[in-house]
Amino acid sequence: MIYFRLPFAKNISTIEENSIETPVSFFSFDGNKQLDFKGTMKNLSRETFSKLQLSNDEISMNLSEFGEERQDDYQNKVEKVIQFVQENNLPKLVLSRLKLVKYQDLKIDFVQSFLKLCDAFPGAFAYLFIQNGKCWMGAFSEVLGDFNTKTSEFKTMSLAGTLPLNEDWTPKEIEEQKYVTDFIASILQNFSASVEQSETSDHISGNIKHLRTDFKAKIHAEELDELIENLHPTPAVCGIPKEVCKKALQNFEKYPRDFYAGYIKVETPENIKYFVNLRCAEFLNNAAFIHVGGGITAESSPEKEWQETELKADAILKNLVFI
């Protein structure tokens, strides 16, 4: 069972299990896991969706022992990552963490929580699924790829750097986003003779802002899968160089990312869209794991990195409705 809302769409979509088509698929960060939703896409009005009853009992996973990273533990780890980045002369490495939210005897009102998330982030791809006892919900506006099947135009974006809305950009965030922009530009040039790149601007996302640069290119449809494989994971979710950072994360990160920082593929007759799965949470029977992360550079401050992850987690937390 899945419900999702495309960016700026009025209706909420779902998948009716009546065919072997696969309009929506989730891919894990490491590429080793794929979750398919087969059937036909169907639109629901907000009013119809709001009347649904989604039971917490369909979630089979319970919280057992879990040693959540405290602030001092996380900041100590960030210090080690900064040292690793400096010693290996890396532009950035993206470190993730899990924030645990226990709600014991309470239950999540998934319908109202999802609607609040949609309202908070109108330009995001928002989703909620319960499948095989697992439940995830998220909303984020970073597009890994958008391919028009009629014109063969491919769009993507460089989205990186994070600050509260009232703070000014520093060289740290500007440089962090530039690495992502340069990486995407170099990949696209291998697939297209004509790549258009926009100016960099602010991208407002709820309680925080990012730096954003858009790209357009004409590509061949048969090369789309290869292009996505080359783009993912971008430096915005992994680091650069890609393979060095992926290997390092296995040592630094205590828990697997699973679908966090992976991507979601949504296919319609007109477009094939790929959304990065960043602002998201995994729900258990009695708790939730909120997945967050941040780009660590040689100039990073461990305390500020902790604050950034707390700010990102709050984007999910403040939209949860309990019953």
C-alpha atoms as a PDB file:
ATOM      1  CA  MET A   1       0.000   0.000   0.000  1.00  0.00           C
ATOM      2  CA  ILE A   2       1.410   3.348  -1.023  1.00  0.00           C
ATOM      3  CA  TYR A   3       0.110   6.912  -1.198  1.00  0.00           C
ATOM      4  CA  PHE A   4       2.086   9.769  -2.712  1.00  0.00           C
ATOM      5  CA  ARG A   5       1.746  13.360  -3.824  1.00  0.00           C
ATOM      6  CA  LEU A   6       3.745  14.702  -6.764  1.00  0.00           C
ATOM      7  CA  PRO A   7       5.264  18.197  -6.373  1.00  0.00           C
ATOM      8  CA  PHE A   8       2.561  20.914  -6.376  1.00  0.00           C
ATOM      9  CA  ALA A   9      -0.150  18.372  -7.249  1.00  0.00           C
ATOM     10  CA  LYS A  10      -3.641  18.806  -5.768  1.00  0.00           C
ATOM     11  CA  ASN A  11      -4.526  15.118  -5.715  1.00  0.00           C
ATOM     12  CA  ILE A  12      -2.950  12.246  -3.838  1.00  0.00           C
ATOM     13  CA  SER A  13      -2.077   9.150  -5.849  1.00  0.00           C
ATOM     14  CA  THR A  14      -2.083   5.474  -4.992  1.00  0.00           C
ATOM     15  CA  ILE A  15      -1.436   2.181  -6.785  1.00  0.00           C
ATOM     16  CA  GLU A  16      -4.243  -0.277  -7.487  1.00  0.00           C
ATOM     17  CA  GLU A  17      -2.811  -3.795  -7.651  1.00  0.00           C
ATOM     18  CA  ASN A  18      -4.429  -4.798 -10.934  1.00  0.00           C
ATOM     19  CA  SER A  19      -1.496  -5.169 -13.335  1.00  0.00           C
ATOM     20  CA  ILE A  20       2.170  -6.138 -13.562  1.00  0.00           C
ATOM     21  CA  GLU A  21       3.252  -2.579 -14.375  1.00  0.00           C
ATOM     22  CA  THR A  22       5.600  -0.948 -11.869  1.00  0.00           C
ATOM     23  CA  PRO A  23       4.903   2.792 -11.728  1.00  0.00           C
ATOM     24  CA  VAL A  24       6.725   3.331  -8.412  1.00  0.00           C
ATOM     25  CA  SER A  25       9.948   1.774  -7.113  1.00  0.00           C
ATOM     26  CA  PHE A  26      12.185   2.546  -4.129  1.00  0.00           C
ATOM     27  CA  PHE A  27      15.946   1.962  -4.359  1.00  0.00           C
ATOM     28  CA  SER A  28      18.181   1.775  -1.294  1.00  0.00           C
ATOM     29  CA  PHE A  29      21.258   3.959  -0.914  1.00  0.00           C
ATOM     30  CA  ASP A  30      23.649   1.083  -1.599  1.00  0.00           C
ATOM     31  CA  GLY A  31      21.589  -0.204  -4.541  1.00  0.00           C
ATOM     32  CA  ASN A  32      21.188  -3.656  -2.991  1.00  0.00           C
ATOM     33  CA  LYS A  33      17.486  -3.318  -2.193  1.00  0.00           C
ATOM     34  CA  GLN A  34      14.530  -2.480  -4.441  1.00  0.00           C
ATOM     35  CA  LEU A  35      10.891  -2.206  -3.381  1.00  0.00           C
ATOM     36  CA  ASP A  36       8.352  -2.237  -6.237  1.00  0.00           C
ATOM     37  CA  PHE A  37       4.715  -1.167  -6.176  1.00  0.00           C
ATOM     38  CA  LYS A  38       2.933  -2.879  -9.044  1.00  0.00           C
ATOM     39  CA  GLY A  39      -0.412  -1.892 -10.530  1.00  0.00           C
ATOM     40  CA  THR A  40      -2.100   1.139 -12.019  1.00  0.00           C
ATOM     41  CA  MET A  41      -1.755   4.685 -10.731  1.00  0.00           C
ATOM     42  CA  LYS A  42      -5.002   6.179  -9.424  1.00  0.00           C
ATOM     43  CA  ASN A  43      -5.729   9.698  -8.120  1.00  0.00           C
ATOM     44  CA  LEU A  44      -7.613  10.415  -4.904  1.00  0.00           C
ATOM     45  CA  SER A  45      -8.971  13.744  -3.764  1.00  0.00           C
ATOM     46  CA  ARG A  46      -7.623  15.129  -0.507  1.00  0.00           C
ATOM     47  CA  GLU A  47     -11.097  14.704   0.994  1.00  0.00           C
ATOM     48  CA  THR A  48     -11.235  11.025   0.051  1.00  0.00           C
ATOM     49  CA  PHE A  49      -7.752  10.388   1.421  1.00  0.00           C
ATOM     50  CA  SER A  50      -8.531  12.195   4.689  1.00  0.00           C
ATOM     51  CA  LYS A  51     -11.313   9.689   5.411  1.00  0.00           C
ATOM     52  CA  LEU A  52      -9.042   6.641   5.144  1.00  0.00           C
ATOM     53  CA  GLN A  53      -8.214   4.564   8.189  1.00  0.00           C
ATOM     54  CA  LEU A  54      -4.604   3.385   8.219  1.00  0.00           C
ATOM     55  CA  SER A  55      -3.880   1.043  11.090  1.00  0.00           C
ATOM     56  CA  ASN A  56      -0.632   0.975  13.042  1.00  0.00           C
ATOM     57  CA  ASP A  57      -1.261  -2.758  13.482  1.00  0.00           C
ATOM     58  CA  GLU A  58      -0.036  -3.381   9.938  1.00  0.00           C
ATOM     59  CA  ILE A  59       3.484  -2.496  11.093  1.00  0.00           C
ATOM     60  CA  SER A  60       5.151  -5.638  12.364  1.00  0.00           C
ATOM     61  CA  MET A  61       8.473  -4.206  13.531  1.00  0.00           C
ATOM     62  CA  ASN A  62       9.034  -3.348  17.206  1.00  0.00           C
ATOM     63  CA  LEU A  63      11.837  -1.408  18.817  1.00  0.00           C
ATOM     64  CA  SER A  64      14.247  -3.694  20.610  1.00  0.00           C
ATOM     65  CA  GLU A  65      17.570  -2.550  22.013  1.00  0.00           C
ATOM     66  CA  PHE A  66      18.840   0.542  20.256  1.00  0.00           C
ATOM     67  CA  GLY A  67      21.847   2.598  21.276  1.00  0.00           C
ATOM     68  CA  GLU A  68      20.998   6.010  19.857  1.00  0.00           C
ATOM     69  CA  GLU A  69      23.935   8.336  19.303  1.00  0.00           C
ATOM     70  CA  ARG A  70      23.944  11.143  21.850  1.00  0.00           C
ATOM     71  CA  GLN A  71      25.128  14.610  20.932  1.00  0.00           C
ATOM     72  CA  ASP A  72      28.621  14.117  22.329  1.00  0.00           C
ATOM     73  CA  ASP A  73      28.958  10.740  20.576  1.00  0.00           C
ATOM     74  CA  TYR A  74      27.903  12.217  17.253  1.00  0.00           C
ATOM     75  CA  GLN A  75      30.156  15.255  17.592  1.00  0.00           C
ATOM     76  CA  ASN A  76      33.100  13.010  18.434  1.00  0.00           C
ATOM     77  CA  LYS A  77      32.377  11.029  15.274  1.00  0.00           C
ATOM     78  CA  VAL A  78      32.168  14.238  13.237  1.00  0.00           C
ATOM     79  CA  GLU A  79      35.608  15.214  14.551  1.00  0.00           C
ATOM     80  CA  LYS A  80      36.977  11.889  13.276  1.00  0.00           C
ATOM     81  CA  VAL A  81      35.292  12.453   9.903  1.00  0.00           C
ATOM     82  CA  ILE A  82      36.805  15.952   9.676  1.00  0.00           C
ATOM     83  CA  GLN A  83      40.229  14.449  10.371  1.00  0.00           C
ATOM     84  CA  PHE A  84      39.621  11.786   7.691  1.00  0.00           C
ATOM     85  CA  VAL A  85      38.551  14.452   5.193  1.00  0.00           C
ATOM     86  CA  GLN A  86      41.645  16.550   5.930  1.00  0.00           C
ATOM     87  CA  GLU A  87      44.090  13.618   5.820  1.00  0.00           C
ATOM     88  CA  ASN A  88      42.696  12.393   2.493  1.00  0.00           C
ATOM     89  CA  ASN A  89      42.165  15.874   1.031  1.00  0.00           C
ATOM     90  CA  LEU A  90      38.473  15.161   0.351  1.00  0.00           C
ATOM     91  CA  PRO A  91      36.070  17.946  -0.658  1.00  0.00           C
ATOM     92  CA  LYS A  92      33.265  16.508   1.509  1.00  0.00           C
ATOM     93  CA  LEU A  93      31.821  13.359   3.057  1.00  0.00           C
ATOM     94  CA  VAL A  94      28.125  13.102   3.951  1.00  0.00           C
ATOM     95  CA  LEU A  95      27.516  11.537   7.357  1.00  0.00           C
ATOM     96  CA  SER A  96      24.074  10.320   8.443  1.00  0.00           C
ATOM     97  CA  ARG A  97      22.525   9.531  11.797  1.00  0.00           C
ATOM     98  CA  LEU A  98      19.289   8.131  13.210  1.00  0.00           C
ATOM     99  CA  LYS A  99      17.152  10.136  15.609  1.00  0.00           C
ATOM    100  CA  LEU A 100      14.947   7.923  17.759  1.00  0.00           C
ATOM    101  CA  VAL A 101      11.431   8.996  18.709  1.00  0.00           C
ATOM    102  CA  LYS A 102       9.598   6.751  21.190  1.00  0.00           C
ATOM    103  CA  TYR A 103       5.842   7.040  21.516  1.00  0.00           C
ATOM    104  CA  GLN A 104       5.076   4.002  23.704  1.00  0.00           C
ATOM    105  CA  ASP A 105       1.278   3.773  24.120  1.00  0.00           C
ATOM    106  CA  LEU A 106       0.504   6.428  21.518  1.00  0.00           C
ATOM    107  CA  LYS A 107      -0.245   5.718  17.867  1.00  0.00           C
ATOM    108  CA  ILE A 108       0.616   7.699  14.758  1.00  0.00           C
ATOM    109  CA  ASP A 109      -2.257   9.173  12.766  1.00  0.00           C
ATOM    110  CA  PHE A 110      -0.638   8.461   9.413  1.00  0.00           C
ATOM    111  CA  VAL A 111      -3.343  10.124   7.326  1.00  0.00           C
ATOM    112  CA  GLN A 112      -3.173  13.459   9.151  1.00  0.00           C
ATOM    113  CA  SER A 113       0.618  13.293   9.466  1.00  0.00           C
ATOM    114  CA  PHE A 114       0.953  12.775   5.724  1.00  0.00           C
ATOM    115  CA  LEU A 115      -1.409  15.653   4.959  1.00  0.00           C
ATOM    116  CA  LYS A 116       0.549  17.956   7.286  1.00  0.00           C
ATOM    117  CA  LEU A 117       3.764  16.938   5.544  1.00  0.00           C
ATOM    118  CA  CYS A 118       2.214  17.695   2.142  1.00  0.00           C
ATOM    119  CA  ASP A 119       1.101  21.124   3.347  1.00  0.00           C
ATOM    120  CA  ALA A 120       4.505  21.888   4.861  1.00  0.00           C
ATOM    121  CA  PHE A 121       6.349  20.999   1.654  1.00  0.00           C
ATOM    122  CA  PRO A 122       4.097  21.722  -1.348  1.00  0.00           C
ATOM    123  CA  GLY A 123       6.979  21.471  -3.834  1.00  0.00           C
ATOM    124  CA  ALA A 124       8.164  18.101  -2.561  1.00  0.00           C
ATOM    125  CA  PHE A 125       7.462  14.545  -3.584  1.00  0.00           C
ATOM    126  CA  ALA A 126       5.668  13.197  -0.508  1.00  0.00           C
ATOM    127  CA  TYR A 127       4.976   9.528   0.159  1.00  0.00           C
ATOM    128  CA  LEU A 128       3.661   7.083   2.732  1.00  0.00           C
ATOM    129  CA  PHE A 129       3.870   3.322   2.367  1.00  0.00           C
ATOM    130  CA  ILE A 130       3.142   0.270   4.485  1.00  0.00           C
ATOM    131  CA  GLN A 131       4.443  -2.885   2.834  1.00  0.00           C
ATOM    132  CA  ASN A 132       5.398  -6.273   4.276  1.00  0.00           C
ATOM    133  CA  GLY A 133       5.198  -4.903   7.815  1.00  0.00           C
ATOM    134  CA  LYS A 134       7.450  -1.920   7.040  1.00  0.00           C
ATOM    135  CA  CYS A 135       6.333   1.698   7.066  1.00  0.00           C
ATOM    136  CA  TRP A 136       8.124   4.760   5.707  1.00  0.00           C
ATOM    137  CA  MET A 137       7.026   8.344   5.176  1.00  0.00           C
ATOM    138  CA  GLY A 138       8.883  11.276   3.700  1.00  0.00           C
ATOM    139  CA  ALA A 139       8.885  14.440   1.628  1.00  0.00           C
ATOM    140  CA  PHE A 140      11.788  16.054  -0.181  1.00  0.00           C
ATOM    141  CA  SER A 141      12.124  18.216  -3.259  1.00  0.00           C
ATOM    142  CA  GLU A 142      15.508  17.144  -4.615  1.00  0.00           C
ATOM    143  CA  VAL A 143      15.127  15.701  -8.125  1.00  0.00           C
ATOM    144  CA  LEU A 144      17.761  13.165  -9.173  1.00  0.00           C
ATOM    145  CA  GLY A 145      16.279  13.094 -12.660  1.00  0.00           C
ATOM    146  CA  ASP A 146      13.212  14.010 -14.717  1.00  0.00           C
ATOM    147  CA  PHE A 147      13.064  12.544 -18.222  1.00  0.00           C
ATOM    148  CA  ASN A 148      10.423  13.651 -20.728  1.00  0.00           C
ATOM    149  CA  THR A 149       9.610  10.618 -22.881  1.00  0.00           C
ATOM    150  CA  LYS A 150       8.252  12.838 -25.678  1.00  0.00           C
ATOM    151  CA  THR A 151      11.103  15.373 -26.024  1.00  0.00           C
ATOM    152  CA  SER A 152      14.006  13.350 -24.514  1.00  0.00           C
ATOM    153  CA  GLU A 153      14.794  16.323 -22.279  1.00  0.00           C
ATOM    154  CA  PHE A 154      16.433  15.399 -18.976  1.00  0.00           C
ATOM    155  CA  LYS A 155      16.375  17.682 -15.929  1.00  0.00           C
ATOM    156  CA  THR A 156      18.239  17.409 -12.657  1.00  0.00           C
ATOM    157  CA  MET A 157      19.494  19.684  -9.900  1.00  0.00           C
ATOM    158  CA  SER A 158      22.375  20.315  -7.558  1.00  0.00           C
ATOM    159  CA  LEU A 159      20.885  20.836  -4.091  1.00  0.00           C
ATOM    160  CA  ALA A 160      23.260  21.142  -1.151  1.00  0.00           C
ATOM    161  CA  GLY A 161      24.248  23.367   1.737  1.00  0.00           C
ATOM    162  CA  THR A 162      21.818  23.824   4.608  1.00  0.00           C
ATOM    163  CA  LEU A 163      21.057  26.768   6.893  1.00  0.00           C
ATOM    164  CA  PRO A 164      18.126  28.127   8.894  1.00  0.00           C
ATOM    165  CA  LEU A 165      16.115  30.626   6.877  1.00  0.00           C
ATOM    166  CA  ASN A 166      17.420  33.673   8.763  1.00  0.00           C
ATOM    167  CA  GLU A 167      21.158  32.928   8.375  1.00  0.00           C
ATOM    168  CA  ASP A 168      23.522  34.036   5.605  1.00  0.00           C
ATOM    169  CA  TRP A 169      25.524  31.660   3.429  1.00  0.00           C
ATOM    170  CA  THR A 170      29.150  31.097   4.384  1.00  0.00           C
ATOM    171  CA  PRO A 171      32.034  29.846   2.197  1.00  0.00           C
ATOM    172  CA  LYS A 172      31.503  26.376   3.730  1.00  0.00           C
ATOM    173  CA  GLU A 173      27.984  25.928   2.276  1.00  0.00           C
ATOM    174  CA  ILE A 174      28.859  27.622  -1.015  1.00  0.00           C
ATOM    175  CA  GLU A 175      31.862  25.347  -1.553  1.00  0.00           C
ATOM    176  CA  GLU A 176      29.877  22.282  -0.468  1.00  0.00           C
ATOM    177  CA  GLN A 177      27.192  22.951  -3.089  1.00  0.00           C
ATOM    178  CA  LYS A 178      29.759  23.746  -5.790  1.00  0.00           C
ATOM    179  CA  TYR A 179      31.231  20.240  -5.503  1.00  0.00           C
ATOM    180  CA  VAL A 180      27.801  18.773  -6.210  1.00  0.00           C
ATOM    181  CA  THR A 181      27.250  21.154  -9.134  1.00  0.00           C
ATOM    182  CA  ASP A 182      30.615  20.340 -10.707  1.00  0.00           C
ATOM    183  CA  PHE A 183      30.024  16.598 -10.283  1.00  0.00           C
ATOM    184  CA  ILE A 184      26.608  16.689 -11.976  1.00  0.00           C
ATOM    185  CA  ALA A 185      27.900  18.886 -14.817  1.00  0.00           C
ATOM    186  CA  SER A 186      30.752  16.470 -15.521  1.00  0.00           C
ATOM    187  CA  ILE A 187      28.414  13.460 -15.603  1.00  0.00           C
ATOM    188  CA  LEU A 188      25.889  15.136 -17.907  1.00  0.00           C
ATOM    189  CA  GLN A 189      28.611  16.130 -20.371  1.00  0.00           C
ATOM    190  CA  ASN A 190      29.295  12.417 -20.911  1.00  0.00           C
ATOM    191  CA  PHE A 191      25.697  11.869 -22.047  1.00  0.00           C
ATOM    192  CA  SER A 192      24.784  15.068 -23.861  1.00  0.00           C
ATOM    193  CA  ALA A 193      26.424  17.528 -26.253  1.00  0.00           C
ATOM    194  CA  SER A 194      24.232  20.337 -24.964  1.00  0.00           C
ATOM    195  CA  VAL A 195      23.947  20.936 -21.205  1.00  0.00           C
ATOM    196  CA  GLU A 196      22.201  24.018 -19.817  1.00  0.00           C
ATOM    197  CA  GLN A 197      23.098  25.178 -16.290  1.00  0.00           C
ATOM    198  CA  SER A 198      21.192  27.824 -14.330  1.00  0.00           C
ATOM    199  CA  GLU A 199      22.446  30.363 -11.839  1.00  0.00           C
ATOM    200  CA  THR A 200      22.589  29.235  -8.218  1.00  0.00           C
ATOM    201  CA  SER A 201      19.715  30.412  -6.015  1.00  0.00           C
ATOM    202  CA  ASP A 202      18.101  29.771  -2.638  1.00  0.00           C
ATOM    203  CA  HIS A 203      15.752  26.813  -2.346  1.00  0.00           C
ATOM    204  CA  ILE A 204      13.362  27.146   0.599  1.00  0.00           C
ATOM    205  CA  SER A 205      12.301  23.859   2.163  1.00  0.00           C
ATOM    206  CA  GLY A 206      10.109  24.320   5.218  1.00  0.00           C
ATOM    207  CA  ASN A 207      12.234  25.545   8.128  1.00  0.00           C
ATOM    208  CA  ILE A 208      15.550  25.472   6.233  1.00  0.00           C
ATOM    209  CA  LYS A 209      17.094  26.574   2.949  1.00  0.00           C
ATOM    210  CA  HIS A 210      19.549  25.060   0.481  1.00  0.00           C
ATOM    211  CA  LEU A 211      21.568  26.274  -2.502  1.00  0.00           C
ATOM    212  CA  ARG A 212      20.206  25.048  -5.835  1.00  0.00           C
ATOM    213  CA  THR A 213      21.448  24.908  -9.435  1.00  0.00           C
ATOM    214  CA  ASP A 214      19.271  23.427 -12.201  1.00  0.00           C
ATOM    215  CA  PHE A 215      20.397  21.479 -15.277  1.00  0.00           C
ATOM    216  CA  LYS A 216      18.777  20.588 -18.615  1.00  0.00           C
ATOM    217  CA  ALA A 217      20.121  18.255 -21.313  1.00  0.00           C
ATOM    218  CA  LYS A 218      18.934  16.193 -24.264  1.00  0.00           C
ATOM    219  CA  ILE A 219      19.807  12.516 -23.861  1.00  0.00           C
ATOM    220  CA  HIS A 220      19.005   9.197 -25.539  1.00  0.00           C
ATOM    221  CA  ALA A 221      16.250   7.206 -23.821  1.00  0.00           C
ATOM    222  CA  GLU A 222      18.296   4.006 -23.923  1.00  0.00           C
ATOM    223  CA  GLU A 223      21.001   5.705 -21.821  1.00  0.00           C
ATOM    224  CA  LEU A 224      18.675   6.877 -19.043  1.00  0.00           C
ATOM    225  CA  ASP A 225      19.346   3.981 -16.648  1.00  0.00           C
ATOM    226  CA  GLU A 226      23.102   4.338 -17.117  1.00  0.00           C
ATOM    227  CA  LEU A 227      22.891   8.087 -16.460  1.00  0.00           C
ATOM    228  CA  ILE A 228      20.986   7.552 -13.212  1.00  0.00           C
ATOM    229  CA  GLU A 229      23.513   4.936 -12.118  1.00  0.00           C
ATOM    230  CA  ASN A 230      26.299   7.452 -12.748  1.00  0.00           C
ATOM    231  CA  LEU A 231      24.543  10.269 -10.891  1.00  0.00           C
ATOM    232  CA  HIS A 232      23.588   8.228  -7.817  1.00  0.00           C
ATOM    233  CA  PRO A 233      24.733   8.769  -5.188  1.00  0.00           C
ATOM    234  CA  THR A 234      25.592  12.406  -5.791  1.00  0.00           C
ATOM    235  CA  PRO A 235      28.051  14.228  -3.514  1.00  0.00           C
ATOM    236  CA  ALA A 236      24.968  15.760  -1.824  1.00  0.00           C
ATOM    237  CA  VAL A 237      24.160  12.416  -0.183  1.00  0.00           C
ATOM    238  CA  CYS A 238      27.504  10.591  -0.233  1.00  0.00           C
ATOM    239  CA  GLY A 239      30.537  12.762  -0.784  1.00  0.00           C
ATOM    240  CA  ILE A 240      33.286  13.024  -3.345  1.00  0.00           C
ATOM    241  CA  PRO A 241      35.137  11.053  -4.633  1.00  0.00           C
ATOM    242  CA  LYS A 242      32.123   8.748  -4.648  1.00  0.00           C
ATOM    243  CA  GLU A 243      33.783   5.345  -4.197  1.00  0.00           C
ATOM    244  CA  VAL A 244      36.181   6.561  -1.491  1.00  0.00           C
ATOM    245  CA  CYS A 245      33.302   8.077   0.482  1.00  0.00           C
ATOM    246  CA  LYS A 246      31.004   5.063   0.087  1.00  0.00           C
ATOM    247  CA  LYS A 247      33.701   2.823   1.518  1.00  0.00           C
ATOM    248  CA  ALA A 248      34.487   5.234   4.363  1.00  0.00           C
ATOM    249  CA  LEU A 249      30.813   5.478   5.363  1.00  0.00           C
ATOM    250  CA  GLN A 250      30.766   1.751   6.087  1.00  0.00           C
ATOM    251  CA  ASN A 251      33.224   2.416   8.896  1.00  0.00           C
ATOM    252  CA  PHE A 252      31.786   5.676  10.207  1.00  0.00           C
ATOM    253  CA  GLU A 253      28.032   4.979  10.138  1.00  0.00           C
ATOM    254  CA  LYS A 254      26.682   2.720  12.843  1.00  0.00           C
ATOM    255  CA  TYR A 255      23.424   1.745  11.101  1.00  0.00           C
ATOM    256  CA  PRO A 256      22.546   0.928   7.475  1.00  0.00           C
ATOM    257  CA  ARG A 257      20.836   3.736   5.561  1.00  0.00           C
ATOM    258  CA  ASP A 258      18.356   1.391   3.889  1.00  0.00           C
ATOM    259  CA  PHE A 259      16.082   3.591   1.708  1.00  0.00           C
ATOM    260  CA  TYR A 260      17.404   6.827   3.199  1.00  0.00           C
ATOM    261  CA  ALA A 261      19.478   8.745   0.598  1.00  0.00           C
ATOM    262  CA  GLY A 262      18.377   6.261  -2.028  1.00  0.00           C
ATOM    263  CA  TYR A 263      15.918   7.320  -4.706  1.00  0.00           C
ATOM    264  CA  ILE A 264      12.323   6.812  -5.779  1.00  0.00           C
ATOM    265  CA  LYS A 265      11.387   6.192  -9.417  1.00  0.00           C
ATOM    266  CA  VAL A 266       7.914   7.285 -10.573  1.00  0.00           C
ATOM    267  CA  GLU A 267       6.924   6.451 -14.144  1.00  0.00           C
ATOM    268  CA  THR A 268       4.026   7.935 -16.126  1.00  0.00           C
ATOM    269  CA  PRO A 269       3.392   7.887 -19.902  1.00  0.00           C
ATOM    270  CA  GLU A 270       4.891  11.390 -20.191  1.00  0.00           C
ATOM    271  CA  ASN A 271       7.732  11.366 -17.665  1.00  0.00           C
ATOM    272  CA  ILE A 272      10.089   9.191 -15.678  1.00  0.00           C
ATOM    273  CA  LYS A 273      10.966  11.000 -12.466  1.00  0.00           C
ATOM    274  CA  TYR A 274      13.580  10.133  -9.859  1.00  0.00           C
ATOM    275  CA  PHE A 275      13.333  11.729  -6.407  1.00  0.00           C
ATOM    276  CA  VAL A 276      16.054  11.597  -3.748  1.00  0.00           C
ATOM    277  CA  ASN A 277      14.706  10.120  -0.510  1.00  0.00           C
ATOM    278  CA  LEU A 278      16.161  12.439   2.143  1.00  0.00           C
ATOM    279  CA  ARG A 279      13.601  13.934   4.533  1.00  0.00           C
ATOM    280  CA  CYS A 280      12.102  10.651   5.726  1.00  0.00           C
ATOM    281  CA  ALA A 281      11.317   8.409   8.685  1.00  0.00           C
ATOM    282  CA  GLU A 282      10.867   4.688   9.267  1.00  0.00           C
ATOM    283  CA  PHE A 283       8.052   3.768  11.663  1.00  0.00           C
ATOM    284  CA  LEU A 284       7.906   0.851  14.068  1.00  0.00           C
ATOM    285  CA  ASN A 285       5.051  -0.196  16.338  1.00  0.00           C
ATOM    286  CA  ASN A 286       6.320   1.846  19.255  1.00  0.00           C
ATOM    287  CA  ALA A 287       8.910   4.228  17.839  1.00  0.00           C
ATOM    288  CA  ALA A 288      10.210   5.983  14.743  1.00  0.00           C
ATOM    289  CA  PHE A 289      13.653   6.401  13.250  1.00  0.00           C
ATOM    290  CA  ILE A 290      14.152   9.784  11.598  1.00  0.00           C
ATOM    291  CA  HIS A 291      16.969   9.679   9.065  1.00  0.00           C
ATOM    292  CA  VAL A 292      19.106  12.811   8.787  1.00  0.00           C
ATOM    293  CA  GLY A 293      22.595  13.761   7.672  1.00  0.00           C
ATOM    294  CA  GLY A 294      24.934  16.519   6.633  1.00  0.00           C
ATOM    295  CA  GLY A 295      27.955  17.231   4.484  1.00  0.00           C
ATOM    296  CA  ILE A 296      31.226  17.252   6.437  1.00  0.00           C
ATOM    297  CA  THR A 297      34.111  19.313   5.071  1.00  0.00           C
ATOM    298  CA  ALA A 298      37.496  20.333   6.449  1.00  0.00           C
ATOM    299  CA  GLU A 299      35.858  23.522   7.789  1.00  0.00           C
ATOM    300  CA  SER A 300      32.916  21.824   9.508  1.00  0.00           C
ATOM    301  CA  SER A 301      32.004  22.516  13.121  1.00  0.00           C
ATOM    302  CA  PRO A 302      30.882  19.377  15.031  1.00  0.00           C
ATOM    303  CA  GLU A 303      28.402  21.383  17.112  1.00  0.00           C
ATOM    304  CA  LYS A 304      26.898  23.084  14.048  1.00  0.00           C
ATOM    305  CA  GLU A 305      26.646  19.724  12.265  1.00  0.00           C
ATOM    306  CA  TRP A 306      24.646  18.359  15.199  1.00  0.00           C
ATOM    307  CA  GLN A 307      22.371  21.388  15.129  1.00  0.00           C
ATOM    308  CA  GLU A 308      21.848  20.942  11.379  1.00  0.00           C
ATOM    309  CA  THR A 309      20.727  17.325  11.803  1.00  0.00           C
ATOM    310  CA  GLU A 310      18.376  18.337  14.626  1.00  0.00           C
ATOM    311  CA  LEU A 311      16.887  21.033  12.385  1.00  0.00           C
ATOM    312  CA  LYS A 312      16.357  18.515   9.587  1.00  0.00           C
ATOM    313  CA  ALA A 313      14.770  15.986  11.952  1.00  0.00           C
ATOM    314  CA  ASP A 314      12.373  18.651  13.190  1.00  0.00           C
ATOM    315  CA  ALA A 315      10.982  18.950   9.656  1.00  0.00           C
ATOM    316  CA  ILE A 316       9.459  15.483  10.139  1.00  0.00           C
ATOM    317  CA  LEU A 317       8.844  15.639  13.889  1.00  0.00           C
ATOM    318  CA  LYS A 318       6.670  18.760  13.874  1.00  0.00           C
ATOM    319  CA  ASN A 319       4.345  17.198  11.300  1.00  0.00           C
ATOM    320  CA  LEU A 320       3.626  13.986  13.195  1.00  0.00           C
ATOM    321  CA  VAL A 321       0.095  13.677  14.608  1.00  0.00           C
ATOM    322  CA  PHE A 322      -0.426  11.309  17.543  1.00  0.00           C
ATOM    323  CA  ILE A 323      -3.660   9.696  18.722  1.00  0.00           C
END
